[in-house]
Protein backbone atom coordinates (compact mmCIF):
# COMPACT_ATOMS: atom_id res chain seq x y z
CA MET A 1 200.64 -80.52 -209.26
CA SER A 2 197.95 -78.44 -206.76
CA ASP A 3 197.30 -80.31 -203.95
CA GLN A 4 193.84 -80.39 -205.21
CA GLY A 5 194.58 -82.43 -208.58
CA THR A 6 195.95 -84.99 -205.89
CA LYS A 7 193.43 -85.97 -203.00
CA LEU A 8 189.85 -86.37 -202.98
CA THR A 9 188.26 -84.13 -201.27
CA HIS A 10 185.27 -86.12 -200.07
CA LEU A 11 187.49 -88.40 -197.26
CA ASP A 12 188.83 -86.68 -194.17
CA GLU A 13 192.07 -89.04 -193.00
CA ALA A 14 191.09 -91.94 -191.68
CA GLY A 15 188.94 -92.59 -195.31
CA ALA A 16 185.40 -91.48 -194.39
CA ALA A 17 183.71 -89.91 -196.22
CA ASN A 18 182.58 -86.33 -195.75
CA MET A 19 180.60 -83.19 -197.14
CA VAL A 20 183.21 -80.85 -197.62
CA ASP A 21 183.37 -77.78 -195.71
CA VAL A 22 182.83 -74.86 -198.05
CA SER A 23 182.12 -72.21 -195.88
CA GLU A 24 185.86 -70.67 -195.83
CA LYS A 25 185.28 -70.16 -199.16
CA GLU A 26 185.11 -67.12 -201.24
CA VAL A 27 181.14 -66.21 -202.99
CA THR A 28 181.46 -66.56 -207.14
CA ASN A 29 179.91 -66.44 -210.22
CA ARG A 30 179.62 -70.94 -211.41
CA ILE A 31 178.81 -71.84 -214.53
CA ALA A 32 178.99 -75.88 -215.63
CA VAL A 33 178.09 -76.88 -218.49
CA ALA A 34 177.58 -80.60 -219.79
CA ARG A 35 176.45 -82.36 -222.74
CA GLY A 36 175.48 -86.29 -223.32
CA THR A 37 173.71 -88.61 -226.45
CA VAL A 38 170.99 -90.37 -227.53
CA THR A 39 171.58 -92.48 -230.22
CA MET A 40 168.03 -94.40 -231.75
CA ARG A 41 167.47 -95.18 -235.25
CA ALA A 42 166.26 -92.79 -238.22
CA GLU A 43 163.06 -93.22 -237.87
CA THR A 44 162.77 -93.12 -233.90
CA LEU A 45 164.29 -89.69 -234.61
CA GLU A 46 162.04 -88.86 -236.70
CA LEU A 47 159.29 -89.61 -234.59
CA ILE A 48 160.41 -87.97 -232.15
CA LEU A 49 160.79 -84.80 -233.97
CA SER A 50 157.25 -85.12 -235.82
CA GLY A 51 156.39 -84.90 -232.38
CA ASN A 52 154.16 -88.16 -232.71
CA ALA A 53 155.53 -89.87 -229.76
CA LYS A 54 152.86 -92.22 -227.71
CA LYS A 55 153.58 -90.55 -224.92
CA GLY A 56 153.48 -87.13 -226.07
CA ASP A 57 155.89 -84.46 -225.92
CA VAL A 58 159.52 -86.65 -225.46
CA ILE A 59 161.73 -82.99 -225.79
CA GLY A 60 159.94 -81.36 -223.96
CA THR A 61 159.16 -83.47 -220.81
CA ALA A 62 163.11 -84.63 -221.20
CA ARG A 63 164.11 -80.71 -220.74
CA VAL A 64 161.82 -80.60 -217.67
CA ALA A 65 163.45 -83.59 -216.16
CA GLY A 66 166.68 -81.66 -217.02
CA ILE A 67 166.05 -79.30 -215.35
CA LEU A 68 164.27 -80.77 -212.27
CA ALA A 69 167.14 -82.48 -211.65
CA ALA A 70 169.32 -80.23 -211.46
CA LYS A 71 167.23 -78.72 -208.70
CA LYS A 72 167.27 -82.17 -207.12
CA THR A 73 170.95 -82.97 -207.23
CA HIS A 74 171.54 -82.95 -203.46
CA GLU A 75 168.82 -85.58 -202.77
CA LEU A 76 170.63 -88.17 -205.75
CA ILE A 77 174.36 -87.79 -204.82
CA PRO A 78 174.75 -88.04 -201.02
CA LEU A 79 177.70 -85.59 -200.53
CA CYS A 80 176.38 -82.75 -203.00
CA HIS A 81 176.04 -79.91 -201.42
CA PRO A 82 172.40 -78.42 -202.11
CA LEU A 83 172.34 -75.24 -204.04
CA MET A 84 170.37 -72.43 -204.82
CA LEU A 85 170.69 -72.50 -208.81
CA SER A 86 170.15 -69.30 -210.38
CA LYS A 87 169.87 -70.08 -213.80
CA VAL A 88 169.69 -73.98 -215.53
CA THR A 89 168.61 -74.54 -219.46
CA VAL A 90 168.53 -78.01 -221.51
CA ASP A 91 169.25 -77.67 -224.50
CA ILE A 92 167.90 -81.32 -226.92
CA GLU A 93 169.15 -80.51 -230.32
CA ALA A 94 168.75 -83.06 -233.60
CA ASP A 95 171.76 -84.79 -235.33
CA GLU A 96 171.03 -86.58 -238.29
CA THR A 97 174.53 -88.18 -238.21
CA LEU A 98 174.18 -89.89 -235.06
CA PRO A 99 171.19 -90.33 -235.69
CA GLY A 100 169.90 -89.27 -232.37
CA LEU A 101 169.76 -86.23 -230.50
CA VAL A 102 172.62 -84.21 -228.07
CA VAL A 103 171.34 -82.34 -224.92
CA THR A 104 173.38 -79.11 -223.46
CA ALA A 105 172.89 -78.98 -220.14
CA THR A 106 173.64 -75.00 -218.30
CA THR A 107 173.94 -74.91 -214.02
CA LYS A 108 174.59 -71.38 -212.65
CA VAL A 109 174.82 -69.96 -209.60
CA SER A 110 177.08 -67.28 -207.43
CA GLY A 111 177.98 -69.22 -204.22
CA GLN A 112 180.32 -71.13 -202.83
CA THR A 113 180.98 -74.61 -204.58
CA GLY A 114 180.64 -75.73 -207.95
CA VAL A 115 177.94 -76.55 -210.28
CA GLU A 116 179.44 -79.22 -212.45
CA MET A 117 177.00 -82.50 -210.49
CA GLU A 118 174.01 -80.34 -211.26
CA ALA A 119 174.61 -79.49 -214.90
CA LEU A 120 176.11 -83.53 -215.24
CA THR A 121 172.67 -84.57 -213.20
CA ALA A 122 170.39 -82.70 -215.19
CA CYS A 123 172.38 -84.21 -218.71
CA SER A 124 172.19 -87.36 -217.66
CA LEU A 125 168.12 -87.36 -216.61
CA THR A 126 167.41 -85.40 -219.95
CA CYS A 127 168.81 -88.45 -221.53
CA LEU A 128 167.22 -91.00 -219.64
CA THR A 129 163.83 -89.28 -220.08
CA ILE A 130 164.36 -89.26 -223.98
CA TYR A 131 164.83 -92.91 -223.68
CA ASP A 132 161.62 -93.93 -220.96
CA MET A 133 159.91 -91.50 -223.75
CA ALA A 134 160.43 -93.58 -226.84
CA LYS A 135 162.06 -96.90 -225.43
CA ALA A 136 158.56 -98.56 -227.25
CA VAL A 137 159.73 -98.32 -230.72
CA ASP A 138 163.63 -98.52 -230.19
CA ARG A 139 164.54 -99.92 -226.80
CA GLY A 140 167.94 -100.38 -228.49
CA MET A 141 168.95 -96.59 -228.21
CA VAL A 142 172.13 -95.62 -226.43
CA ILE A 143 172.95 -93.25 -224.10
CA GLY A 144 176.59 -91.78 -224.15
CA ASP A 145 179.44 -89.11 -224.10
CA ILE A 146 177.84 -87.47 -220.66
CA ARG A 147 180.58 -85.18 -220.14
CA LEU A 148 181.46 -81.84 -218.75
CA VAL A 149 182.25 -79.93 -221.26
CA GLU A 150 182.85 -76.08 -219.44
CA LYS A 151 183.43 -74.76 -215.83
CA ALA A 152 184.04 -71.12 -214.84
CA GLY A 153 184.04 -70.08 -211.35
CA GLY A 154 185.71 -70.29 -208.31
CA LYS A 155 189.13 -70.75 -207.36
CA SER A 156 190.44 -73.44 -209.81
CA GLY A 157 188.73 -70.44 -212.83
CA HIS A 158 187.31 -71.66 -216.76
CA TRP A 159 187.58 -75.05 -217.85
CA THR A 160 186.93 -76.48 -220.64
CA LEU A 161 187.76 -79.54 -222.71
CA GLU A 162 188.49 -78.90 -225.54
CA LYS A 163 187.06 -80.46 -229.46
CA ASP A 164 189.96 -83.90 -229.64
CA GLY A 165 188.73 -84.29 -225.50
CA SER A 166 191.64 -82.35 -224.51
CA GLU A 167 192.06 -79.95 -221.34
CA GLY A 168 192.59 -76.82 -221.60
CA GLY A 169 191.47 -73.86 -219.51
CA THR A 170 192.70 -70.09 -219.11
């Protein structure tokens, strides 16, 4: 196993938290994709999809919240680097079998450090916004399964989370 997999990079020799020095890392195109779900009653999903939620356009508002969250990740997570993101997309799809919504956030940058935390933050805040906007009709919604499903670029290369939950790399 490489040193990267056995050492926490944000801790120095004394155990103090520090922002990682990425100044010597190569600039590469990097992408990260995170996915999560908001499970709800079928009636709640129908209400959201119809556009008749009391607070307004749940999906549109949640998408904008996720994009904003990705841009502010370094302000929310103490040791994250501020990044000049080149792209953030948030896709929200209905899944009648949950029932609920599946959120997929994709972030891109050309830089010296990855964008995994930005994708995860975008996904998380999108899910939280969905909950906030629909909680008046369904306080039992469940936010879950938020995880990184793909990353590419940088020294570690391309990584995906296979459908069975195992890691796969190329």
